[in-house]
Amino acid sequence: MKKRNPIILIHGLWNTSSIFSFITSKLDEIGIEYFTPTLNHSYGMTSIIDLTNKLNELILEKYGLEKEIDILGFSMGGIIGRCWLQKFNGYKRTRRLISIGSPHKGTLMAQLIPKYPFRGISEMKISSNFLRELANNDFFLEHIECINFFTYWDLMVFPSWWTNLDFGKKISVKVYKHRNLVRNKSVVNKIMDEIIM
């Protein structure tokens, strides 16, 4: 079996790393190393920037500065991963970014949430300063393989097609709940197909 990069799995808002249990059990079966840190979102009050800073500390502690890795992010986790790739030069050591139901262009569900005290959620508003700045620096991702999973029936990230980056592979799956993007057996199998390619 060819050498695989360790995968950093980044969970979303109102989740912990346990949301990935279906995926990690598959990774265990085929012997791919992974790291699933739990980040404290404080119900959406913690800024995505602060969460990215914490993620960087944990990655450095686990893998140092140079080890090549892959990133898989679910929901807000995909935004945190994308931010890390840009802010901490993660793009230089990352081969693949898999984002699953991540509101890369914002979500209407965040529009009515006040910036204080819910800074993290408000950063996912459509056309927020935070998301605009990320988009302006997406050229950092040009040499990374980007894979976007989404469902048209996603009521958490709406409209659902705004989960996709402007580039990379886009894979539509048929599930009806946001969390089922990482809990549904058939979807997990499709995610694994991309991981082992």
N, C-alpha and C. Protein backbone atom coordinates (compact mmCIF):
# COMPACT_ATOMS: atom_id res chain seq x y z
N MET A 1 0.84 -1.19 0.00
CA MET A 1 0.00 0.00 0.00
C MET A 1 0.88 1.24 0.00
N LYS A 2 0.52 2.24 -0.83
CA LYS A 2 1.36 3.42 -0.91
C LYS A 2 1.23 4.27 0.35
N LYS A 3 2.27 5.03 0.61
CA LYS A 3 2.31 5.87 1.81
C LYS A 3 1.21 6.93 1.75
N ARG A 4 0.51 7.10 2.86
CA ARG A 4 -0.56 8.10 2.95
C ARG A 4 -0.17 9.17 3.96
N ASN A 5 -0.60 10.39 3.69
CA ASN A 5 -0.40 11.45 4.67
C ASN A 5 -1.34 11.26 5.86
N PRO A 6 -0.92 11.65 7.05
CA PRO A 6 -1.88 11.73 8.15
C PRO A 6 -2.97 12.74 7.78
N ILE A 7 -4.18 12.49 8.26
CA ILE A 7 -5.31 13.37 7.98
C ILE A 7 -5.72 14.09 9.27
N ILE A 8 -5.81 15.42 9.19
CA ILE A 8 -6.33 16.21 10.30
C ILE A 8 -7.83 16.37 10.08
N LEU A 9 -8.65 15.85 10.99
CA LEU A 9 -10.10 15.95 10.87
C LEU A 9 -10.60 17.05 11.81
N ILE A 10 -11.25 18.06 11.23
CA ILE A 10 -11.65 19.25 11.99
C ILE A 10 -13.18 19.31 12.03
N HIS A 11 -13.73 19.23 13.22
CA HIS A 11 -15.19 19.19 13.38
C HIS A 11 -15.80 20.59 13.29
N GLY A 12 -17.12 20.64 13.26
CA GLY A 12 -17.83 21.89 13.12
C GLY A 12 -18.45 22.38 14.42
N LEU A 13 -19.26 23.40 14.29
CA LEU A 13 -19.95 24.01 15.42
C LEU A 13 -20.92 23.03 16.05
N TRP A 14 -21.02 23.04 17.40
CA TRP A 14 -21.90 22.16 18.17
C TRP A 14 -21.54 20.69 18.01
N ASN A 15 -20.32 20.40 17.54
CA ASN A 15 -19.83 19.02 17.45
C ASN A 15 -18.56 18.89 18.28
N THR A 16 -18.13 17.65 18.45
CA THR A 16 -16.77 17.35 18.93
C THR A 16 -16.16 16.40 17.91
N SER A 17 -14.95 15.98 18.19
CA SER A 17 -14.28 15.07 17.25
C SER A 17 -15.03 13.75 17.09
N SER A 18 -15.92 13.43 18.03
CA SER A 18 -16.68 12.17 17.94
C SER A 18 -17.60 12.13 16.73
N ILE A 19 -17.89 13.28 16.12
CA ILE A 19 -18.74 13.32 14.93
C ILE A 19 -18.12 12.50 13.80
N PHE A 20 -16.79 12.29 13.88
CA PHE A 20 -16.08 11.57 12.83
C PHE A 20 -15.94 10.08 13.09
N SER A 21 -16.66 9.54 14.06
CA SER A 21 -16.43 8.14 14.46
C SER A 21 -16.65 7.16 13.30
N PHE A 22 -17.59 7.44 12.41
CA PHE A 22 -17.81 6.55 11.27
C PHE A 22 -16.61 6.58 10.33
N ILE A 23 -16.03 7.77 10.15
CA ILE A 23 -14.87 7.91 9.26
C ILE A 23 -13.62 7.32 9.90
N THR A 24 -13.40 7.60 11.18
CA THR A 24 -12.17 7.12 11.82
C THR A 24 -12.15 5.59 11.93
N SER A 25 -13.33 4.99 12.07
CA SER A 25 -13.34 3.52 12.11
C SER A 25 -12.88 2.95 10.77
N LYS A 26 -13.26 3.62 9.68
CA LYS A 26 -12.80 3.20 8.35
C LYS A 26 -11.31 3.44 8.18
N LEU A 27 -10.83 4.57 8.69
CA LEU A 27 -9.40 4.87 8.61
C LEU A 27 -8.59 3.85 9.40
N ASP A 28 -9.13 3.44 10.54
CA ASP A 28 -8.46 2.40 11.33
C ASP A 28 -8.35 1.09 10.56
N GLU A 29 -9.42 0.76 9.84
CA GLU A 29 -9.44 -0.50 9.10
C GLU A 29 -8.35 -0.57 8.04
N ILE A 30 -8.08 0.57 7.39
CA ILE A 30 -7.09 0.56 6.31
C ILE A 30 -5.74 1.12 6.73
N GLY A 31 -5.62 1.50 8.00
CA GLY A 31 -4.32 1.87 8.53
C GLY A 31 -3.83 3.26 8.14
N ILE A 32 -4.75 4.20 7.96
CA ILE A 32 -4.35 5.59 7.68
C ILE A 32 -4.35 6.37 8.99
N GLU A 33 -3.23 7.04 9.27
CA GLU A 33 -3.10 7.83 10.49
C GLU A 33 -4.00 9.06 10.43
N TYR A 34 -4.56 9.42 11.57
CA TYR A 34 -5.39 10.63 11.63
C TYR A 34 -5.23 11.31 12.99
N PHE A 35 -5.63 12.57 13.02
CA PHE A 35 -5.59 13.37 14.24
C PHE A 35 -6.92 14.12 14.31
N THR A 36 -7.66 13.94 15.40
CA THR A 36 -9.00 14.53 15.52
C THR A 36 -9.08 15.41 16.77
N PRO A 37 -8.50 16.60 16.72
CA PRO A 37 -8.58 17.49 17.89
C PRO A 37 -10.00 17.99 18.11
N THR A 38 -10.38 18.19 19.36
CA THR A 38 -11.64 18.84 19.68
C THR A 38 -11.37 20.30 20.01
N LEU A 39 -12.03 21.19 19.29
CA LEU A 39 -11.87 22.63 19.49
C LEU A 39 -13.07 23.19 20.24
N ASN A 40 -12.82 24.14 21.11
CA ASN A 40 -13.89 24.71 21.93
C ASN A 40 -14.50 25.93 21.23
N HIS A 41 -15.66 25.72 20.61
CA HIS A 41 -16.32 26.79 19.87
C HIS A 41 -17.10 27.74 20.77
N SER A 42 -17.34 27.33 22.01
CA SER A 42 -18.15 28.13 22.95
C SER A 42 -19.48 28.55 22.32
N TYR A 43 -20.17 27.58 21.72
CA TYR A 43 -21.50 27.79 21.13
C TYR A 43 -21.49 28.85 20.02
N GLY A 44 -20.34 29.00 19.38
CA GLY A 44 -20.24 29.97 18.29
C GLY A 44 -19.70 31.32 18.71
N MET A 45 -19.32 31.45 19.97
CA MET A 45 -18.78 32.73 20.45
C MET A 45 -17.30 32.89 20.15
N THR A 46 -16.59 31.78 19.97
CA THR A 46 -15.15 31.85 19.68
C THR A 46 -14.92 32.15 18.21
N SER A 47 -14.09 33.14 17.95
CA SER A 47 -13.78 33.51 16.57
C SER A 47 -13.13 32.36 15.82
N ILE A 48 -13.43 32.26 14.53
CA ILE A 48 -12.79 31.25 13.69
C ILE A 48 -11.28 31.48 13.67
N ILE A 49 -10.85 32.72 13.75
CA ILE A 49 -9.42 33.03 13.77
C ILE A 49 -8.78 32.44 15.03
N ASP A 50 -9.44 32.59 16.17
CA ASP A 50 -8.91 32.02 17.42
C ASP A 50 -8.90 30.49 17.36
N LEU A 51 -9.92 29.92 16.77
CA LEU A 51 -9.95 28.46 16.61
C LEU A 51 -8.84 27.99 15.69
N THR A 52 -8.54 28.78 14.67
CA THR A 52 -7.45 28.45 13.75
C THR A 52 -6.11 28.52 14.47
N ASN A 53 -5.95 29.53 15.31
CA ASN A 53 -4.71 29.64 16.10
C ASN A 53 -4.51 28.42 16.99
N LYS A 54 -5.60 27.97 17.62
CA LYS A 54 -5.52 26.79 18.49
C LYS A 54 -5.21 25.55 17.67
N LEU A 55 -5.85 25.43 16.51
CA LEU A 55 -5.56 24.28 15.64
C LEU A 55 -4.08 24.25 15.27
N ASN A 56 -3.52 25.40 14.96
CA ASN A 56 -2.10 25.45 14.59
C ASN A 56 -1.22 24.97 15.73
N GLU A 57 -1.54 25.39 16.95
CA GLU A 57 -0.77 24.92 18.11
C GLU A 57 -0.80 23.40 18.21
N LEU A 58 -1.97 22.83 18.00
CA LEU A 58 -2.13 21.38 18.14
C LEU A 58 -1.41 20.63 17.01
N ILE A 59 -1.46 21.18 15.80
CA ILE A 59 -0.75 20.55 14.68
C ILE A 59 0.75 20.60 14.90
N LEU A 60 1.25 21.73 15.37
CA LEU A 60 2.69 21.85 15.63
C LEU A 60 3.12 20.89 16.73
N GLU A 61 2.30 20.77 17.75
CA GLU A 61 2.61 19.86 18.85
C GLU A 61 2.65 18.42 18.38
N LYS A 62 1.74 18.08 17.47
CA LYS A 62 1.62 16.69 17.01
C LYS A 62 2.60 16.35 15.89
N TYR A 63 2.78 17.28 14.94
CA TYR A 63 3.52 16.94 13.72
C TYR A 63 4.68 17.87 13.39
N GLY A 64 4.91 18.87 14.21
CA GLY A 64 6.00 19.79 13.91
C GLY A 64 5.67 20.72 12.75
N LEU A 65 6.71 21.27 12.14
CA LEU A 65 6.54 22.31 11.13
C LEU A 65 6.48 21.81 9.70
N GLU A 66 6.97 20.59 9.44
CA GLU A 66 7.20 20.22 8.05
C GLU A 66 6.45 18.98 7.56
N LYS A 67 6.01 18.12 8.43
CA LYS A 67 5.39 16.86 7.99
C LYS A 67 4.20 17.14 7.08
N GLU A 68 4.16 16.46 5.93
CA GLU A 68 3.06 16.66 4.99
C GLU A 68 1.79 16.02 5.52
N ILE A 69 0.68 16.74 5.38
CA ILE A 69 -0.60 16.26 5.91
C ILE A 69 -1.72 16.50 4.89
N ASP A 70 -2.88 15.93 5.17
CA ASP A 70 -4.12 16.24 4.47
C ASP A 70 -5.08 16.84 5.49
N ILE A 71 -6.03 17.64 5.01
CA ILE A 71 -7.02 18.28 5.87
C ILE A 71 -8.41 17.81 5.44
N LEU A 72 -9.23 17.41 6.42
CA LEU A 72 -10.64 17.13 6.18
C LEU A 72 -11.43 17.92 7.21
N GLY A 73 -12.31 18.80 6.73
CA GLY A 73 -13.09 19.63 7.63
C GLY A 73 -14.58 19.49 7.37
N PHE A 74 -15.34 19.33 8.45
CA PHE A 74 -16.79 19.25 8.36
C PHE A 74 -17.41 20.56 8.82
N SER A 75 -18.32 21.12 8.02
CA SER A 75 -19.04 22.33 8.37
C SER A 75 -18.04 23.46 8.67
N MET A 76 -18.16 24.12 9.82
CA MET A 76 -17.22 25.18 10.16
C MET A 76 -15.78 24.68 10.14
N GLY A 77 -15.59 23.39 10.37
CA GLY A 77 -14.24 22.82 10.36
C GLY A 77 -13.53 23.00 9.04
N GLY A 78 -14.29 22.99 7.94
CA GLY A 78 -13.68 23.23 6.64
C GLY A 78 -13.19 24.65 6.49
N ILE A 79 -13.92 25.60 7.11
CA ILE A 79 -13.49 27.00 7.10
C ILE A 79 -12.24 27.18 7.95
N ILE A 80 -12.21 26.52 9.10
CA ILE A 80 -11.03 26.60 9.97
C ILE A 80 -9.81 26.03 9.24
N GLY A 81 -10.00 24.88 8.57
CA GLY A 81 -8.90 24.28 7.82
C GLY A 81 -8.40 25.19 6.71
N ARG A 82 -9.33 25.78 5.99
CA ARG A 82 -8.95 26.69 4.89
C ARG A 82 -8.21 27.91 5.44
N CYS A 83 -8.66 28.43 6.57
CA CYS A 83 -8.00 29.57 7.21
C CYS A 83 -6.58 29.19 7.63
N TRP A 84 -6.43 27.99 8.19
CA TRP A 84 -5.10 27.53 8.61
C TRP A 84 -4.15 27.41 7.42
N LEU A 85 -4.64 26.91 6.30
CA LEU A 85 -3.81 26.77 5.10
C LEU A 85 -3.24 28.11 4.67
N GLN A 86 -4.03 29.16 4.82
CA GLN A 86 -3.60 30.48 4.40
C GLN A 86 -2.75 31.17 5.47
N LYS A 87 -3.25 31.18 6.70
CA LYS A 87 -2.64 32.00 7.75
C LYS A 87 -1.30 31.46 8.22
N PHE A 88 -1.16 30.15 8.25
CA PHE A 88 0.06 29.55 8.80
C PHE A 88 0.89 28.83 7.74
N ASN A 89 0.73 29.24 6.48
CA ASN A 89 1.47 28.62 5.38
C ASN A 89 1.24 27.12 5.31
N GLY A 90 0.07 26.69 5.78
CA GLY A 90 -0.25 25.27 5.74
C GLY A 90 -0.31 24.72 4.33
N TYR A 91 -0.59 25.61 3.38
CA TYR A 91 -0.66 25.16 1.97
C TYR A 91 0.66 24.58 1.49
N LYS A 92 1.77 24.95 2.13
CA LYS A 92 3.08 24.46 1.71
C LYS A 92 3.31 23.00 2.10
N ARG A 93 2.52 22.49 3.05
CA ARG A 93 2.72 21.12 3.53
C ARG A 93 1.48 20.26 3.39
N THR A 94 0.45 20.78 2.72
CA THR A 94 -0.82 20.07 2.60
C THR A 94 -1.05 19.64 1.16
N ARG A 95 -1.38 18.39 0.98
CA ARG A 95 -1.62 17.85 -0.36
C ARG A 95 -3.08 17.97 -0.76
N ARG A 96 -3.98 17.84 0.22
CA ARG A 96 -5.40 17.74 -0.11
C ARG A 96 -6.26 18.41 0.97
N LEU A 97 -7.28 19.15 0.52
CA LEU A 97 -8.28 19.73 1.41
C LEU A 97 -9.63 19.15 1.02
N ILE A 98 -10.22 18.38 1.94
CA ILE A 98 -11.56 17.84 1.74
C ILE A 98 -12.50 18.61 2.66
N SER A 99 -13.43 19.35 2.09
CA SER A 99 -14.40 20.08 2.92
C SER A 99 -15.78 19.47 2.70
N ILE A 100 -16.51 19.31 3.79
CA ILE A 100 -17.78 18.61 3.77
C ILE A 100 -18.85 19.52 4.38
N GLY A 101 -19.75 20.01 3.53
CA GLY A 101 -20.82 20.88 4.02
C GLY A 101 -20.31 22.14 4.69
N SER A 102 -19.21 22.70 4.19
CA SER A 102 -18.61 23.89 4.80
C SER A 102 -19.10 25.15 4.10
N PRO A 103 -19.58 26.14 4.86
CA PRO A 103 -20.16 27.34 4.25
C PRO A 103 -19.08 28.31 3.75
N HIS A 104 -18.36 27.90 2.71
CA HIS A 104 -17.25 28.72 2.22
C HIS A 104 -17.70 30.09 1.74
N LYS A 105 -18.96 30.20 1.31
CA LYS A 105 -19.48 31.51 0.86
C LYS A 105 -20.54 32.04 1.81
N GLY A 106 -20.57 31.49 3.01
CA GLY A 106 -21.53 31.94 4.00
C GLY A 106 -22.82 31.14 3.97
N THR A 107 -23.67 31.41 4.95
CA THR A 107 -24.96 30.75 5.04
C THR A 107 -26.00 31.73 5.55
N LEU A 108 -27.19 31.66 4.98
CA LEU A 108 -28.28 32.52 5.44
C LEU A 108 -28.63 32.26 6.90
N MET A 109 -28.33 31.07 7.40
CA MET A 109 -28.62 30.74 8.79
C MET A 109 -27.86 31.62 9.77
N ALA A 110 -26.77 32.24 9.31
CA ALA A 110 -25.96 33.09 10.19
C ALA A 110 -26.34 34.57 10.12
N GLN A 111 -27.19 34.92 9.17
CA GLN A 111 -27.43 36.34 8.89
C GLN A 111 -28.01 37.11 10.07
N LEU A 112 -28.87 36.49 10.83
CA LEU A 112 -29.54 37.20 11.92
C LEU A 112 -28.83 37.06 13.27
N ILE A 113 -27.70 36.37 13.26
CA ILE A 113 -26.95 36.16 14.51
C ILE A 113 -26.09 37.39 14.79
N PRO A 114 -26.19 37.99 15.98
CA PRO A 114 -25.40 39.19 16.28
C PRO A 114 -23.91 38.88 16.41
N LYS A 115 -23.10 39.84 15.99
CA LYS A 115 -21.65 39.67 16.07
C LYS A 115 -21.20 39.47 17.51
N TYR A 116 -21.83 40.20 18.43
CA TYR A 116 -21.54 39.99 19.85
C TYR A 116 -22.77 39.36 20.50
N PRO A 117 -22.61 38.23 21.19
CA PRO A 117 -21.34 37.58 21.53
C PRO A 117 -20.94 36.46 20.56
N PHE A 118 -21.69 36.28 19.46
CA PHE A 118 -21.48 35.10 18.61
C PHE A 118 -20.56 35.42 17.43
N ARG A 119 -19.32 35.75 17.74
CA ARG A 119 -18.40 36.18 16.69
C ARG A 119 -18.13 35.08 15.68
N GLY A 120 -17.94 33.85 16.16
CA GLY A 120 -17.63 32.74 15.26
C GLY A 120 -18.74 32.49 14.24
N ILE A 121 -19.99 32.51 14.72
CA ILE A 121 -21.11 32.31 13.80
C ILE A 121 -21.22 33.49 12.84
N SER A 122 -21.06 34.71 13.36
CA SER A 122 -21.23 35.89 12.51
C SER A 122 -20.18 35.96 11.41
N GLU A 123 -19.03 35.32 11.62
CA GLU A 123 -18.00 35.28 10.57
C GLU A 123 -18.43 34.43 9.38
N MET A 124 -19.50 33.64 9.56
CA MET A 124 -20.01 32.84 8.46
C MET A 124 -21.21 33.48 7.77
N LYS A 125 -21.45 34.76 8.07
CA LYS A 125 -22.49 35.49 7.35
C LYS A 125 -22.08 35.64 5.89
N ILE A 126 -23.05 35.69 5.02
CA ILE A 126 -22.78 35.90 3.60
C ILE A 126 -22.08 37.24 3.41
N SER A 127 -20.97 37.22 2.70
CA SER A 127 -20.17 38.42 2.42
C SER A 127 -19.58 39.07 3.67
N SER A 128 -19.34 38.27 4.72
CA SER A 128 -18.67 38.81 5.90
C SER A 128 -17.25 39.22 5.53
N ASN A 129 -16.70 40.16 6.28
CA ASN A 129 -15.32 40.60 6.04
C ASN A 129 -14.36 39.42 6.11
N PHE A 130 -14.62 38.52 7.06
CA PHE A 130 -13.76 37.36 7.24
C PHE A 130 -13.76 36.48 5.99
N LEU A 131 -14.94 36.15 5.47
CA LEU A 131 -15.02 35.28 4.30
C LEU A 131 -14.48 35.97 3.05
N ARG A 132 -14.68 37.28 2.94
CA ARG A 132 -14.13 38.00 1.79
C ARG A 132 -12.61 37.97 1.79
N GLU A 133 -12.03 38.12 2.97
CA GLU A 133 -10.57 38.07 3.07
C GLU A 133 -10.05 36.69 2.73
N LEU A 134 -10.73 35.65 3.18
CA LEU A 134 -10.34 34.29 2.82
C LEU A 134 -10.37 34.11 1.30
N ALA A 135 -11.46 34.57 0.68
CA ALA A 135 -11.61 34.41 -0.77
C ALA A 135 -10.51 35.16 -1.53
N ASN A 136 -10.11 36.30 -1.02
CA ASN A 136 -9.07 37.09 -1.67
C ASN A 136 -7.71 36.39 -1.65
N ASN A 137 -7.55 35.45 -0.73
CA ASN A 137 -6.27 34.75 -0.59
C ASN A 137 -6.34 33.29 -1.01
N ASP A 138 -7.39 32.93 -1.74
CA ASP A 138 -7.53 31.54 -2.15
C ASP A 138 -6.48 31.09 -3.17
N PHE A 139 -5.72 32.05 -3.72
CA PHE A 139 -4.65 31.66 -4.63
C PHE A 139 -3.62 30.77 -3.93
N PHE A 140 -3.58 30.83 -2.61
CA PHE A 140 -2.69 29.95 -1.86
C PHE A 140 -3.07 28.48 -2.05
N LEU A 141 -4.31 28.22 -2.43
CA LEU A 141 -4.80 26.85 -2.53
C LEU A 141 -4.69 26.27 -3.94
N GLU A 142 -4.12 27.03 -4.87
CA GLU A 142 -4.10 26.61 -6.28
C GLU A 142 -3.40 25.27 -6.50
N HIS A 143 -2.43 24.95 -5.68
CA HIS A 143 -1.66 23.73 -5.87
C HIS A 143 -2.07 22.61 -4.92
N ILE A 144 -3.21 22.81 -4.27
CA ILE A 144 -3.76 21.79 -3.37
C ILE A 144 -4.96 21.14 -4.05
N GLU A 145 -5.08 19.83 -3.90
CA GLU A 145 -6.26 19.14 -4.42
C GLU A 145 -7.44 19.43 -3.49
N CYS A 146 -8.44 20.12 -4.00
CA CYS A 146 -9.61 20.48 -3.19
C CYS A 146 -10.81 19.63 -3.61
N ILE A 147 -11.48 19.06 -2.62
CA ILE A 147 -12.66 18.23 -2.86
C ILE A 147 -13.78 18.74 -1.97
N ASN A 148 -14.92 19.05 -2.55
CA ASN A 148 -16.06 19.62 -1.83
C ASN A 148 -17.24 18.65 -1.85
N PHE A 149 -17.71 18.24 -0.68
CA PHE A 149 -18.92 17.43 -0.57
C PHE A 149 -20.07 18.32 -0.09
N PHE A 150 -21.24 18.16 -0.69
CA PHE A 150 -22.40 18.93 -0.27
C PHE A 150 -23.68 18.17 -0.58
N THR A 151 -24.78 18.61 0.04
CA THR A 151 -26.10 18.08 -0.28
C THR A 151 -27.05 19.24 -0.55
N TYR A 152 -27.88 19.10 -1.55
CA TYR A 152 -28.85 20.14 -1.88
C TYR A 152 -29.91 20.30 -0.80
N TRP A 153 -30.04 19.32 0.10
CA TRP A 153 -31.05 19.36 1.16
C TRP A 153 -30.46 19.80 2.50
N ASP A 154 -29.36 20.51 2.46
CA ASP A 154 -28.71 20.98 3.69
C ASP A 154 -29.45 22.21 4.20
N LEU A 155 -30.08 22.10 5.36
CA LEU A 155 -30.80 23.24 5.94
C LEU A 155 -29.94 24.06 6.89
N MET A 156 -28.76 23.56 7.22
CA MET A 156 -27.86 24.30 8.10
C MET A 156 -27.01 25.28 7.29
N VAL A 157 -26.53 24.83 6.15
CA VAL A 157 -25.80 25.70 5.23
C VAL A 157 -26.71 25.96 4.04
N PHE A 158 -27.20 27.18 3.95
CA PHE A 158 -28.21 27.49 2.93
C PHE A 158 -27.90 28.83 2.28
N PRO A 159 -27.92 28.91 0.94
CA PRO A 159 -28.15 27.83 -0.01
C PRO A 159 -26.98 26.86 -0.05
N SER A 160 -27.30 25.59 -0.24
CA SER A 160 -26.33 24.51 -0.04
C SER A 160 -25.15 24.56 -0.99
N TRP A 161 -25.37 25.05 -2.23
CA TRP A 161 -24.26 25.05 -3.19
C TRP A 161 -23.20 26.09 -2.84
N TRP A 162 -23.49 26.95 -1.87
CA TRP A 162 -22.48 27.90 -1.43
C TRP A 162 -21.44 27.25 -0.52
N THR A 163 -21.61 25.95 -0.28
CA THR A 163 -20.58 25.24 0.46
C THR A 163 -19.32 25.06 -0.37
N ASN A 164 -19.43 25.17 -1.68
CA ASN A 164 -18.31 24.82 -2.54
C ASN A 164 -17.34 25.98 -2.77
N LEU A 165 -16.06 25.65 -2.78
CA LEU A 165 -15.06 26.59 -3.24
C LEU A 165 -15.24 26.81 -4.74
N ASP A 166 -14.62 27.84 -5.26
CA ASP A 166 -14.74 28.13 -6.70
C ASP A 166 -13.93 27.17 -7.56
N PHE A 167 -13.14 26.33 -6.92
CA PHE A 167 -12.31 25.40 -7.68
C PHE A 167 -12.29 24.05 -6.97
N GLY A 168 -11.80 23.06 -7.67
CA GLY A 168 -11.74 21.72 -7.09
C GLY A 168 -12.95 20.89 -7.46
N LYS A 169 -12.94 19.66 -7.01
CA LYS A 169 -13.98 18.69 -7.31
C LYS A 169 -15.20 18.94 -6.42
N LYS A 170 -16.39 18.86 -7.00
CA LYS A 170 -17.63 19.08 -6.25
C LYS A 170 -18.48 17.81 -6.33
N ILE A 171 -18.80 17.25 -5.17
CA ILE A 171 -19.52 15.98 -5.12
C ILE A 171 -20.83 16.17 -4.36
N SER A 172 -21.95 16.02 -5.06
CA SER A 172 -23.27 16.13 -4.44
C SER A 172 -23.71 14.77 -3.92
N VAL A 173 -24.21 14.74 -2.69
CA VAL A 173 -24.70 13.49 -2.09
C VAL A 173 -26.13 13.70 -1.61
N LYS A 174 -26.87 12.61 -1.48
CA LYS A 174 -28.29 12.70 -1.13
C LYS A 174 -28.50 12.30 0.33
N VAL A 175 -28.42 13.30 1.20
CA VAL A 175 -28.79 13.12 2.61
C VAL A 175 -29.59 14.34 3.03
N TYR A 176 -30.37 14.20 4.10
CA TYR A 176 -31.32 15.25 4.47
C TYR A 176 -30.96 15.99 5.75
N LYS A 177 -29.94 15.56 6.45
CA LYS A 177 -29.52 16.28 7.65
C LYS A 177 -28.04 16.63 7.52
N HIS A 178 -27.69 17.81 8.00
CA HIS A 178 -26.33 18.30 7.89
C HIS A 178 -25.31 17.30 8.45
N ARG A 179 -25.56 16.80 9.64
CA ARG A 179 -24.61 15.89 10.29
C ARG A 179 -24.48 14.57 9.54
N ASN A 180 -25.50 14.21 8.75
CA ASN A 180 -25.42 12.95 8.00
C ASN A 180 -24.38 13.00 6.89
N LEU A 181 -23.87 14.19 6.61
CA LEU A 181 -22.77 14.29 5.64
C LEU A 181 -21.53 13.52 6.12
N VAL A 182 -21.42 13.32 7.43
CA VAL A 182 -20.30 12.52 7.95
C VAL A 182 -20.77 11.31 8.75
N ARG A 183 -22.10 11.07 8.77
CA ARG A 183 -22.63 9.95 9.54
C ARG A 183 -23.34 8.91 8.68
N ASN A 184 -23.73 9.29 7.48
CA ASN A 184 -24.43 8.37 6.60
C ASN A 184 -23.44 7.39 5.97
N LYS A 185 -23.78 6.11 5.99
CA LYS A 185 -22.86 5.07 5.54
C LYS A 185 -22.43 5.25 4.09
N SER A 186 -23.37 5.52 3.21
CA SER A 186 -23.03 5.64 1.79
C SER A 186 -22.17 6.87 1.52
N VAL A 187 -22.44 7.96 2.26
CA VAL A 187 -21.63 9.17 2.09
C VAL A 187 -20.22 8.93 2.61
N VAL A 188 -20.12 8.30 3.77
CA VAL A 188 -18.79 8.00 4.34
C VAL A 188 -17.99 7.15 3.36
N ASN A 189 -18.65 6.20 2.70
CA ASN A 189 -17.94 5.38 1.72
C ASN A 189 -17.42 6.22 0.56
N LYS A 190 -18.20 7.22 0.14
CA LYS A 190 -17.75 8.11 -0.94
C LYS A 190 -16.57 8.97 -0.48
N ILE A 191 -16.64 9.42 0.76
CA ILE A 191 -15.51 10.19 1.31
C ILE A 191 -14.25 9.33 1.35
N MET A 192 -14.43 8.09 1.77
CA MET A 192 -13.27 7.17 1.85
C MET A 192 -12.71 6.89 0.46
N ASP A 193 -13.58 6.80 -0.54
CA ASP A 193 -13.10 6.60 -1.90
C ASP A 193 -12.15 7.72 -2.31
N GLU A 194 -12.47 8.96 -1.92
CA GLU A 194 -11.61 10.10 -2.26
C GLU A 194 -10.32 10.06 -1.44
N ILE A 195 -10.42 9.66 -0.19
CA ILE A 195 -9.23 9.62 0.68
C ILE A 195 -8.20 8.63 0.17
N ILE A 196 -8.66 7.47 -0.31
CA ILE A 196 -7.71 6.43 -0.68
C ILE A 196 -7.26 6.53 -2.15
N MET A 197 -7.80 7.48 -2.88
CA MET A 197 -7.38 7.63 -4.28
C MET A 197 -5.91 8.03 -4.39
